[in-house]
Amino acid sequence: MKKFLLWFLAFIIAAGTMVYQRLTGPTYPYNGKVEIDARLVKFELPRSSVNTSDCEVAVDVPDSDISGFLEYKRYKTEDAWTKVPLERKDNTLIASFPPKQPMAGKLAYRVILAKGEKSVSLSGENPIVIRFRGDVPIYVLIPHVLIMLLALLFSTRAGLAALDKKSDPGKYAKWAAALFFITGFILGPLMQYYGFGLLWSGFPLGHDLTDNKTLVAMIGWLIALFMMRRGKPARGWVLAASILLLVVFLIPHSLLGSELDYSKLAPPAKIN
């Protein structure tokens, strides 16, 4: 019964951490609500999209008197804003970004709703930033997510075992390190390759935070495994590696992720 409760607690912590990371990341949809002429409009706007098909921005607005437009420009450039009218399809206002954006390319955009002389920006004064990526095959995506969850599960279980002098954290630690290596250094680079055209953009090649935090967490587990040599439990090191991985997962996913520098394009990319 005790083992079951510990595994259950480890699963709750692992799953909750992954959900938190996903919900707080900069690619999670931007949602909210605004009021225009006493009409409450709820919305969810994309902050990530594949570049193999058109990315639509859609807002449910039943009031046919409300219209609007989408305006966008390349992120971190001096480009002029391009405006695209929102087209009404039944109760929804829809517009699309230009097709086939480059991998890791970002656009800053705003959605403006208007009724008569009144208008409102759904994101206020600040634009929303959307990043484009290639299409990651499902046979890479699903194993990556599942093994990541398992790695975090075994890591958490190892940490709990390290707190119990009657338990051996070693077997859990070895599984945690092996699973994390597979998801972080085999499947993770494949995800990045399909999504952004490169296998690794962390230290020493770049400053991608996802890659760098993966590297730091792996070093933590390698140190713990080294300290466990010759059968030593190394409880403190295992606990430290487990906590380090949890901290790493609490950092929002895709923060400081791959980003195209438009100034290095030759010739400059055309948005419209």
C-alpha atoms as a PDB file:
ATOM      1  CA  MET A   1       0.000   0.000   0.000  1.00  0.00           C
ATOM      2  CA  LYS A   2       2.850   2.376   0.851  1.00  0.00           C
ATOM      3  CA  LYS A   3       4.542   1.760  -2.505  1.00  0.00           C
ATOM      4  CA  PHE A   4       1.297   2.409  -4.345  1.00  0.00           C
ATOM      5  CA  LEU A   5       0.789   5.698  -2.512  1.00  0.00           C
ATOM      6  CA  LEU A   6       4.348   6.787  -3.280  1.00  0.00           C
ATOM      7  CA  TRP A   7       3.934   5.975  -6.982  1.00  0.00           C
ATOM      8  CA  PHE A   8       0.581   7.768  -6.993  1.00  0.00           C
ATOM      9  CA  LEU A   9       2.131  10.834  -5.343  1.00  0.00           C
ATOM     10  CA  ALA A  10       5.017  10.745  -7.821  1.00  0.00           C
ATOM     11  CA  PHE A  11       2.568  10.575 -10.728  1.00  0.00           C
ATOM     12  CA  ILE A  12       0.513  13.511  -9.431  1.00  0.00           C
ATOM     13  CA  ILE A  13       3.653  15.618  -9.036  1.00  0.00           C
ATOM     14  CA  ALA A  14       5.029  14.616 -12.453  1.00  0.00           C
ATOM     15  CA  ALA A  15       1.776  15.107 -14.367  1.00  0.00           C
ATOM     16  CA  GLY A  16       0.992  18.363 -12.570  1.00  0.00           C
ATOM     17  CA  THR A  17       4.459  19.719 -13.341  1.00  0.00           C
ATOM     18  CA  MET A  18       4.146  18.896 -17.049  1.00  0.00           C
ATOM     19  CA  VAL A  19       0.700  20.508 -17.244  1.00  0.00           C
ATOM     20  CA  TYR A  20       1.992  23.622 -15.480  1.00  0.00           C
ATOM     21  CA  GLN A  21       4.931  23.852 -17.884  1.00  0.00           C
ATOM     22  CA  ARG A  22       2.629  23.575 -20.869  1.00  0.00           C
ATOM     23  CA  LEU A  23       0.070  26.125 -19.631  1.00  0.00           C
ATOM     24  CA  THR A  24       2.679  28.755 -18.755  1.00  0.00           C
ATOM     25  CA  GLY A  25       4.690  28.493 -21.983  1.00  0.00           C
ATOM     26  CA  PRO A  26       4.847  31.329 -24.530  1.00  0.00           C
ATOM     27  CA  THR A  27       3.328  29.117 -27.259  1.00  0.00           C
ATOM     28  CA  TYR A  28       0.153  28.327 -25.322  1.00  0.00           C
ATOM     29  CA  PRO A  29      -2.903  30.083 -26.874  1.00  0.00           C
ATOM     30  CA  TYR A  30      -3.633  33.612 -25.669  1.00  0.00           C
ATOM     31  CA  ASN A  31      -7.164  33.737 -24.329  1.00  0.00           C
ATOM     32  CA  GLY A  32      -9.369  36.254 -22.627  1.00  0.00           C
ATOM     33  CA  LYS A  33     -12.453  38.380 -23.073  1.00  0.00           C
ATOM     34  CA  VAL A  34     -13.253  41.965 -24.045  1.00  0.00           C
ATOM     35  CA  GLU A  35     -16.366  44.088 -24.111  1.00  0.00           C
ATOM     36  CA  ILE A  36     -17.428  46.146 -27.100  1.00  0.00           C
ATOM     37  CA  ASP A  37     -20.658  48.137 -27.031  1.00  0.00           C
ATOM     38  CA  ALA A  38     -21.971  46.062 -24.101  1.00  0.00           C
ATOM     39  CA  ARG A  39     -21.241  42.833 -25.994  1.00  0.00           C
ATOM     40  CA  LEU A  40     -18.873  40.406 -24.223  1.00  0.00           C
ATOM     41  CA  VAL A  41     -16.536  38.605 -26.621  1.00  0.00           C
ATOM     42  CA  LYS A  42     -14.480  35.606 -25.497  1.00  0.00           C
ATOM     43  CA  PHE A  43     -11.515  34.572 -27.612  1.00  0.00           C
ATOM     44  CA  GLU A  44      -8.529  32.234 -27.969  1.00  0.00           C
ATOM     45  CA  LEU A  45      -5.728  33.316 -30.265  1.00  0.00           C
ATOM     46  CA  PRO A  46      -2.818  31.158 -31.492  1.00  0.00           C
ATOM     47  CA  ARG A  47       0.784  31.716 -30.452  1.00  0.00           C
ATOM     48  CA  SER A  48       2.197  28.710 -32.313  1.00  0.00           C
ATOM     49  CA  SER A  49       1.430  27.128 -35.679  1.00  0.00           C
ATOM     50  CA  VAL A  50       2.844  24.717 -38.228  1.00  0.00           C
ATOM     51  CA  ASN A  51       4.057  26.357 -41.424  1.00  0.00           C
ATOM     52  CA  THR A  52       2.699  23.628 -43.699  1.00  0.00           C
ATOM     53  CA  SER A  53      -0.811  25.097 -43.821  1.00  0.00           C
ATOM     54  CA  ASP A  54      -2.552  28.431 -43.368  1.00  0.00           C
ATOM     55  CA  CYS A  55      -2.870  29.613 -39.776  1.00  0.00           C
ATOM     56  CA  GLU A  56      -6.313  31.048 -39.108  1.00  0.00           C
ATOM     57  CA  VAL A  57      -7.271  33.531 -36.439  1.00  0.00           C
ATOM     58  CA  ALA A  58     -10.931  33.046 -35.551  1.00  0.00           C
ATOM     59  CA  VAL A  59     -13.121  34.901 -33.061  1.00  0.00           C
ATOM     60  CA  ASP A  60     -16.716  33.958 -32.277  1.00  0.00           C
ATOM     61  CA  VAL A  61     -18.777  37.146 -32.632  1.00  0.00           C
ATOM     62  CA  PRO A  62     -22.525  36.513 -33.153  1.00  0.00           C
ATOM     63  CA  ASP A  63     -23.281  40.243 -33.462  1.00  0.00           C
ATOM     64  CA  SER A  64     -23.255  40.878 -37.226  1.00  0.00           C
ATOM     65  CA  ASP A  65     -22.687  44.611 -36.645  1.00  0.00           C
ATOM     66  CA  ILE A  66     -19.210  43.898 -35.301  1.00  0.00           C
ATOM     67  CA  SER A  67     -16.381  43.727 -37.833  1.00  0.00           C
ATOM     68  CA  GLY A  68     -12.628  44.062 -37.563  1.00  0.00           C
ATOM     69  CA  PHE A  69      -9.205  43.325 -38.956  1.00  0.00           C
ATOM     70  CA  LEU A  70      -5.970  41.469 -38.304  1.00  0.00           C
ATOM     71  CA  GLU A  71      -2.726  43.441 -38.452  1.00  0.00           C
ATOM     72  CA  TYR A  72       0.719  41.869 -38.336  1.00  0.00           C
ATOM     73  CA  LYS A  73       4.395  42.358 -39.049  1.00  0.00           C
ATOM     74  CA  ARG A  74       7.585  40.349 -38.719  1.00  0.00           C
ATOM     75  CA  TYR A  75       8.725  40.217 -35.087  1.00  0.00           C
ATOM     76  CA  LYS A  76      11.594  42.523 -34.064  1.00  0.00           C
ATOM     77  CA  THR A  77      11.644  44.372 -37.388  1.00  0.00           C
ATOM     78  CA  GLU A  78      10.778  47.861 -38.532  1.00  0.00           C
ATOM     79  CA  ASP A  79       8.257  46.513 -41.054  1.00  0.00           C
ATOM     80  CA  ALA A  80       5.028  48.430 -41.521  1.00  0.00           C
ATOM     81  CA  TRP A  81       1.896  46.775 -40.171  1.00  0.00           C
ATOM     82  CA  THR A  82      -0.108  44.837 -42.748  1.00  0.00           C
ATOM     83  CA  LYS A  83      -3.880  44.861 -42.308  1.00  0.00           C
ATOM     84  CA  VAL A  84      -6.188  42.012 -43.317  1.00  0.00           C
ATOM     85  CA  PRO A  85      -9.979  42.383 -42.914  1.00  0.00           C
ATOM     86  CA  LEU A  86     -11.733  39.789 -40.793  1.00  0.00           C
ATOM     87  CA  GLU A  87     -14.225  37.885 -42.923  1.00  0.00           C
ATOM     88  CA  ARG A  88     -17.503  36.766 -41.425  1.00  0.00           C
ATOM     89  CA  LYS A  89     -18.512  33.117 -41.684  1.00  0.00           C
ATOM     90  CA  ASP A  90     -21.783  32.665 -39.833  1.00  0.00           C
ATOM     91  CA  ASN A  91     -21.008  33.734 -36.242  1.00  0.00           C
ATOM     92  CA  THR A  92     -17.233  33.788 -36.628  1.00  0.00           C
ATOM     93  CA  LEU A  93     -14.786  36.444 -37.820  1.00  0.00           C
ATOM     94  CA  ILE A  94     -11.762  34.874 -39.552  1.00  0.00           C
ATOM     95  CA  ALA A  95      -8.470  35.975 -41.111  1.00  0.00           C
ATOM     96  CA  SER A  96      -5.288  34.104 -42.040  1.00  0.00           C
ATOM     97  CA  PHE A  97      -1.589  34.851 -41.913  1.00  0.00           C
ATOM     98  CA  PRO A  98       0.436  34.593 -45.129  1.00  0.00           C
ATOM     99  CA  PRO A  99       1.124  30.934 -45.930  1.00  0.00           C
ATOM    100  CA  LYS A 100       4.457  29.139 -45.597  1.00  0.00           C
ATOM    101  CA  GLN A 101       6.213  31.159 -42.919  1.00  0.00           C
ATOM    102  CA  PRO A 102       9.871  30.161 -42.335  1.00  0.00           C
ATOM    103  CA  MET A 103      10.771  27.775 -39.525  1.00  0.00           C
ATOM    104  CA  ALA A 104      11.245  29.646 -36.214  1.00  0.00           C
ATOM    105  CA  GLY A 105       9.867  32.784 -37.862  1.00  0.00           C
ATOM    106  CA  LYS A 106       7.746  34.961 -35.603  1.00  0.00           C
ATOM    107  CA  LEU A 107       5.023  37.489 -36.344  1.00  0.00           C
ATOM    108  CA  ALA A 108       3.696  40.139 -33.999  1.00  0.00           C
ATOM    109  CA  TYR A 109      -0.030  40.653 -34.475  1.00  0.00           C
ATOM    110  CA  ARG A 110      -3.150  42.318 -33.135  1.00  0.00           C
ATOM    111  CA  VAL A 111      -6.825  41.580 -33.677  1.00  0.00           C
ATOM    112  CA  ILE A 112      -9.050  44.645 -33.667  1.00  0.00           C
ATOM    113  CA  LEU A 113     -12.843  44.481 -33.363  1.00  0.00           C
ATOM    114  CA  ALA A 114     -14.982  47.449 -34.297  1.00  0.00           C
ATOM    115  CA  LYS A 115     -18.614  48.489 -34.070  1.00  0.00           C
ATOM    116  CA  GLY A 116     -19.476  51.906 -35.395  1.00  0.00           C
ATOM    117  CA  GLU A 117     -16.934  54.347 -33.978  1.00  0.00           C
ATOM    118  CA  LYS A 118     -15.926  51.992 -31.180  1.00  0.00           C
ATOM    119  CA  SER A 119     -12.977  49.625 -31.507  1.00  0.00           C
ATOM    120  CA  VAL A 120     -10.973  47.388 -29.191  1.00  0.00           C
ATOM    121  CA  SER A 121      -7.760  45.392 -29.464  1.00  0.00           C
ATOM    122  CA  LEU A 122      -8.159  41.879 -28.082  1.00  0.00           C
ATOM    123  CA  SER A 123      -4.635  41.954 -26.653  1.00  0.00           C
ATOM    124  CA  GLY A 124      -4.675  45.560 -25.477  1.00  0.00           C
ATOM    125  CA  GLU A 125      -1.687  47.732 -26.339  1.00  0.00           C
ATOM    126  CA  ASN A 126       0.746  44.825 -26.656  1.00  0.00           C
ATOM    127  CA  PRO A 127       0.764  42.599 -29.752  1.00  0.00           C
ATOM    128  CA  ILE A 128       0.658  38.807 -29.584  1.00  0.00           C
ATOM    129  CA  VAL A 129       3.705  36.912 -30.881  1.00  0.00           C
ATOM    130  CA  ILE A 130       3.169  33.736 -32.881  1.00  0.00           C
ATOM    131  CA  ARG A 131       5.996  31.342 -33.814  1.00  0.00           C
ATOM    132  CA  PHE A 132       5.915  29.014 -36.813  1.00  0.00           C
ATOM    133  CA  ARG A 133       7.428  25.541 -36.976  1.00  0.00           C
ATOM    134  CA  GLY A 134       7.605  22.537 -39.224  1.00  0.00           C
ATOM    135  CA  ASP A 135       5.252  19.606 -38.779  1.00  0.00           C
ATOM    136  CA  VAL A 136       6.667  17.085 -36.256  1.00  0.00           C
ATOM    137  CA  PRO A 137       5.777  13.470 -37.121  1.00  0.00           C
ATOM    138  CA  ILE A 138       3.457  11.841 -34.617  1.00  0.00           C
ATOM    139  CA  TYR A 139       5.846   8.892 -34.268  1.00  0.00           C
ATOM    140  CA  VAL A 140       8.382  11.309 -32.786  1.00  0.00           C
ATOM    141  CA  LEU A 141       5.987  13.559 -30.859  1.00  0.00           C
ATOM    142  CA  ILE A 142       4.070  10.897 -28.919  1.00  0.00           C
ATOM    143  CA  PRO A 143       7.123   8.892 -27.721  1.00  0.00           C
ATOM    144  CA  HIS A 144       8.828  12.159 -26.738  1.00  0.00           C
ATOM    145  CA  VAL A 145       5.920  13.247 -24.537  1.00  0.00           C
ATOM    146  CA  LEU A 146       5.305   9.801 -23.017  1.00  0.00           C
ATOM    147  CA  ILE A 147       8.969   9.130 -22.218  1.00  0.00           C
ATOM    148  CA  MET A 148       9.315  12.643 -20.827  1.00  0.00           C
ATOM    149  CA  LEU A 149       6.454  11.914 -18.441  1.00  0.00           C
ATOM    150  CA  LEU A 150       8.033   8.588 -17.467  1.00  0.00           C
ATOM    151  CA  ALA A 151      11.415  10.251 -16.885  1.00  0.00           C
ATOM    152  CA  LEU A 152       9.827  12.824 -14.593  1.00  0.00           C
ATOM    153  CA  LEU A 153       7.810  10.086 -12.867  1.00  0.00           C
ATOM    154  CA  PHE A 154      10.876   7.944 -12.085  1.00  0.00           C
ATOM    155  CA  SER A 155      12.864  11.031 -11.117  1.00  0.00           C
ATOM    156  CA  THR A 156      10.214  12.072  -8.619  1.00  0.00           C
ATOM    157  CA  ARG A 157       9.935   8.517  -7.306  1.00  0.00           C
ATOM    158  CA  ALA A 158      13.707   8.422  -6.864  1.00  0.00           C
ATOM    159  CA  GLY A 159      13.538  11.641  -4.864  1.00  0.00           C
ATOM    160  CA  LEU A 160      10.837  10.220  -2.602  1.00  0.00           C
ATOM    161  CA  ALA A 161      12.879   7.032  -2.120  1.00  0.00           C
ATOM    162  CA  ALA A 162      15.914   9.130  -1.199  1.00  0.00           C
ATOM    163  CA  LEU A 163      13.907  10.578   1.691  1.00  0.00           C
ATOM    164  CA  ASP A 164      13.113   7.104   3.025  1.00  0.00           C
ATOM    165  CA  LYS A 165      16.089   5.388   4.675  1.00  0.00           C
ATOM    166  CA  LYS A 166      14.418   2.008   4.164  1.00  0.00           C
ATOM    167  CA  SER A 167      14.157   2.476   0.376  1.00  0.00           C
ATOM    168  CA  ASP A 168      16.811   2.143  -2.307  1.00  0.00           C
ATOM    169  CA  PRO A 169      16.676   5.138  -4.675  1.00  0.00           C
ATOM    170  CA  GLY A 170      19.248   3.605  -7.008  1.00  0.00           C
ATOM    171  CA  LYS A 171      16.963   1.596  -9.276  1.00  0.00           C
ATOM    172  CA  TYR A 172      14.617   4.539  -9.770  1.00  0.00           C
ATOM    173  CA  ALA A 173      17.518   6.911 -10.365  1.00  0.00           C
ATOM    174  CA  LYS A 174      18.978   4.746 -13.123  1.00  0.00           C
ATOM    175  CA  TRP A 175      15.628   4.551 -14.894  1.00  0.00           C
ATOM    176  CA  ALA A 176      15.135   8.301 -14.523  1.00  0.00           C
ATOM    177  CA  ALA A 177      18.539   9.095 -16.028  1.00  0.00           C
ATOM    178  CA  ALA A 178      18.133   6.635 -18.914  1.00  0.00           C
ATOM    179  CA  LEU A 179      14.628   7.800 -19.809  1.00  0.00           C
ATOM    180  CA  PHE A 180      15.595  11.454 -19.565  1.00  0.00           C
ATOM    181  CA  PHE A 181      18.557  10.889 -21.865  1.00  0.00           C
ATOM    182  CA  ILE A 182      16.296   9.250 -24.460  1.00  0.00           C
ATOM    183  CA  THR A 183      13.660  11.996 -24.402  1.00  0.00           C
ATOM    184  CA  GLY A 184      16.077  14.907 -23.980  1.00  0.00           C
ATOM    185  CA  PHE A 185      18.978  13.955 -26.228  1.00  0.00           C
ATOM    186  CA  ILE A 186      17.479  11.657 -28.856  1.00  0.00           C
ATOM    187  CA  LEU A 187      13.795  12.467 -29.291  1.00  0.00           C
ATOM    188  CA  GLY A 188      14.151  16.111 -28.227  1.00  0.00           C
ATOM    189  CA  PRO A 189      16.695  16.943 -30.958  1.00  0.00           C
ATOM    190  CA  LEU A 190      14.511  15.113 -33.491  1.00  0.00           C
ATOM    191  CA  MET A 191      11.565  17.289 -32.406  1.00  0.00           C
ATOM    192  CA  GLN A 192      13.687  20.384 -32.887  1.00  0.00           C
ATOM    193  CA  TYR A 193      14.988  19.197 -36.249  1.00  0.00           C
ATOM    194  CA  TYR A 194      11.525  18.641 -37.681  1.00  0.00           C
ATOM    195  CA  GLY A 195      10.165  21.788 -36.081  1.00  0.00           C
ATOM    196  CA  PHE A 196      12.985  24.257 -36.624  1.00  0.00           C
ATOM    197  CA  GLY A 197      15.571  22.640 -38.877  1.00  0.00           C
ATOM    198  CA  LEU A 198      18.356  22.021 -36.374  1.00  0.00           C
ATOM    199  CA  LEU A 199      19.148  19.326 -33.822  1.00  0.00           C
ATOM    200  CA  TRP A 200      20.593  21.442 -31.022  1.00  0.00           C
ATOM    201  CA  SER A 201      20.604  25.165 -30.314  1.00  0.00           C
ATOM    202  CA  GLY A 202      21.715  25.237 -26.687  1.00  0.00           C
ATOM    203  CA  PHE A 203      25.220  25.553 -25.228  1.00  0.00           C
ATOM    204  CA  PRO A 204      27.710  25.856 -26.850  1.00  0.00           C
ATOM    205  CA  LEU A 205      25.908  26.511 -30.145  1.00  0.00           C
ATOM    206  CA  GLY A 206      23.214  28.906 -28.934  1.00  0.00           C
ATOM    207  CA  HIS A 207      21.094  30.118 -26.037  1.00  0.00           C
ATOM    208  CA  ASP A 208      17.945  28.020 -26.461  1.00  0.00           C
ATOM    209  CA  LEU A 209      16.627  27.713 -22.901  1.00  0.00           C
ATOM    210  CA  THR A 210      14.892  24.375 -23.493  1.00  0.00           C
ATOM    211  CA  ASP A 211      18.140  22.778 -24.668  1.00  0.00           C
ATOM    212  CA  ASN A 212      20.187  24.404 -21.923  1.00  0.00           C
ATOM    213  CA  LYS A 213      17.885  23.358 -19.100  1.00  0.00           C
ATOM    214  CA  THR A 214      17.854  19.809 -20.525  1.00  0.00           C
ATOM    215  CA  LEU A 215      21.655  19.808 -20.443  1.00  0.00           C
ATOM    216  CA  VAL A 216      21.747  21.076 -16.838  1.00  0.00           C
ATOM    217  CA  ALA A 217      19.252  18.446 -15.670  1.00  0.00           C
ATOM    218  CA  MET A 218      21.190  15.655 -17.406  1.00  0.00           C
ATOM    219  CA  ILE A 219      24.427  16.785 -15.763  1.00  0.00           C
ATOM    220  CA  GLY A 220      22.623  16.634 -12.426  1.00  0.00           C
ATOM    221  CA  TRP A 221      21.638  13.020 -12.998  1.00  0.00           C
ATOM    222  CA  LEU A 222      25.086  12.043 -14.266  1.00  0.00           C
ATOM    223  CA  ILE A 223      26.611  13.421 -11.076  1.00  0.00           C
ATOM    224  CA  ALA A 224      24.078  11.493  -8.993  1.00  0.00           C
ATOM    225  CA  LEU A 225      24.868   8.268 -10.876  1.00  0.00           C
ATOM    226  CA  PHE A 226      28.589   8.853 -10.384  1.00  0.00           C
ATOM    227  CA  MET A 227      28.112   9.324  -6.654  1.00  0.00           C
ATOM    228  CA  MET A 228      26.118   6.077  -6.565  1.00  0.00           C
ATOM    229  CA  ARG A 229      29.047   3.997  -7.832  1.00  0.00           C
ATOM    230  CA  ARG A 230      29.974   0.866  -5.877  1.00  0.00           C
ATOM    231  CA  GLY A 231      26.434   0.556  -4.547  1.00  0.00           C
ATOM    232  CA  LYS A 232      26.333   3.766  -2.525  1.00  0.00           C
ATOM    233  CA  PRO A 233      22.770   5.117  -2.073  1.00  0.00           C
ATOM    234  CA  ALA A 234      23.933   8.754  -2.427  1.00  0.00           C
ATOM    235  CA  ARG A 235      20.556   9.894  -1.133  1.00  0.00           C
ATOM    236  CA  GLY A 236      21.459  13.562  -1.028  1.00  0.00           C
ATOM    237  CA  TRP A 237      22.695  13.578  -4.643  1.00  0.00           C
ATOM    238  CA  VAL A 238      19.686  11.654  -5.893  1.00  0.00           C
ATOM    239  CA  LEU A 239      17.333  14.010  -4.084  1.00  0.00           C
ATOM    240  CA  ALA A 240      19.210  17.019  -5.500  1.00  0.00           C
ATOM    241  CA  ALA A 241      18.996  15.636  -9.059  1.00  0.00           C
ATOM    242  CA  SER A 242      15.284  14.923  -8.607  1.00  0.00           C
ATOM    243  CA  ILE A 243      14.589  18.437  -7.335  1.00  0.00           C
ATOM    244  CA  LEU A 244      16.722  19.930 -10.111  1.00  0.00           C
ATOM    245  CA  LEU A 245      14.639  18.156 -12.756  1.00  0.00           C
ATOM    246  CA  LEU A 246      11.422  19.408 -11.154  1.00  0.00           C
ATOM    247  CA  VAL A 247      12.788  22.962 -11.141  1.00  0.00           C
ATOM    248  CA  VAL A 248      13.780  22.601 -14.797  1.00  0.00           C
ATOM    249  CA  PHE A 249      10.260  21.469 -15.687  1.00  0.00           C
ATOM    250  CA  LEU A 250       8.748  24.417 -13.830  1.00  0.00           C
ATOM    251  CA  ILE A 251      10.461  26.744 -16.320  1.00  0.00           C
ATOM    252  CA  PRO A 252       7.860  27.478 -19.054  1.00  0.00           C
ATOM    253  CA  HIS A 253       8.305  25.332 -22.164  1.00  0.00           C
ATOM    254  CA  SER A 254       9.772  27.041 -25.272  1.00  0.00           C
ATOM    255  CA  LEU A 255      10.845  30.122 -23.296  1.00  0.00           C
ATOM    256  CA  LEU A 256      13.737  31.708 -25.245  1.00  0.00           C
ATOM    257  CA  GLY A 257      13.199  29.048 -27.893  1.00  0.00           C
ATOM    258  CA  SER A 258      14.408  29.012 -31.497  1.00  0.00           C
ATOM    259  CA  GLU A 259      13.858  32.366 -33.181  1.00  0.00           C
ATOM    260  CA  LEU A 260      14.624  33.410 -36.734  1.00  0.00           C
ATOM    261  CA  ASP A 261      16.708  36.569 -37.138  1.00  0.00           C
ATOM    262  CA  TYR A 262      15.050  38.249 -40.125  1.00  0.00           C
ATOM    263  CA  SER A 263      17.992  40.621 -40.582  1.00  0.00           C
ATOM    264  CA  LYS A 264      20.151  37.655 -41.649  1.00  0.00           C
ATOM    265  CA  LEU A 265      17.833  36.570 -44.432  1.00  0.00           C
ATOM    266  CA  ALA A 266      19.126  37.126 -47.929  1.00  0.00           C
ATOM    267  CA  PRO A 267      17.032  38.254 -49.653  1.00  0.00           C
ATOM    268  CA  PRO A 268      14.661  39.552 -46.943  1.00  0.00           C
ATOM    269  CA  ALA A 269      11.574  37.390 -46.472  1.00  0.00           C
ATOM    270  CA  LYS A 270       8.418  38.848 -47.967  1.00  0.00           C
ATOM    271  CA  ILE A 271       5.348  38.698 -45.782  1.00  0.00           C
ATOM    272  CA  ASN A 272       2.775  39.934 -48.261  1.00  0.00           C
END
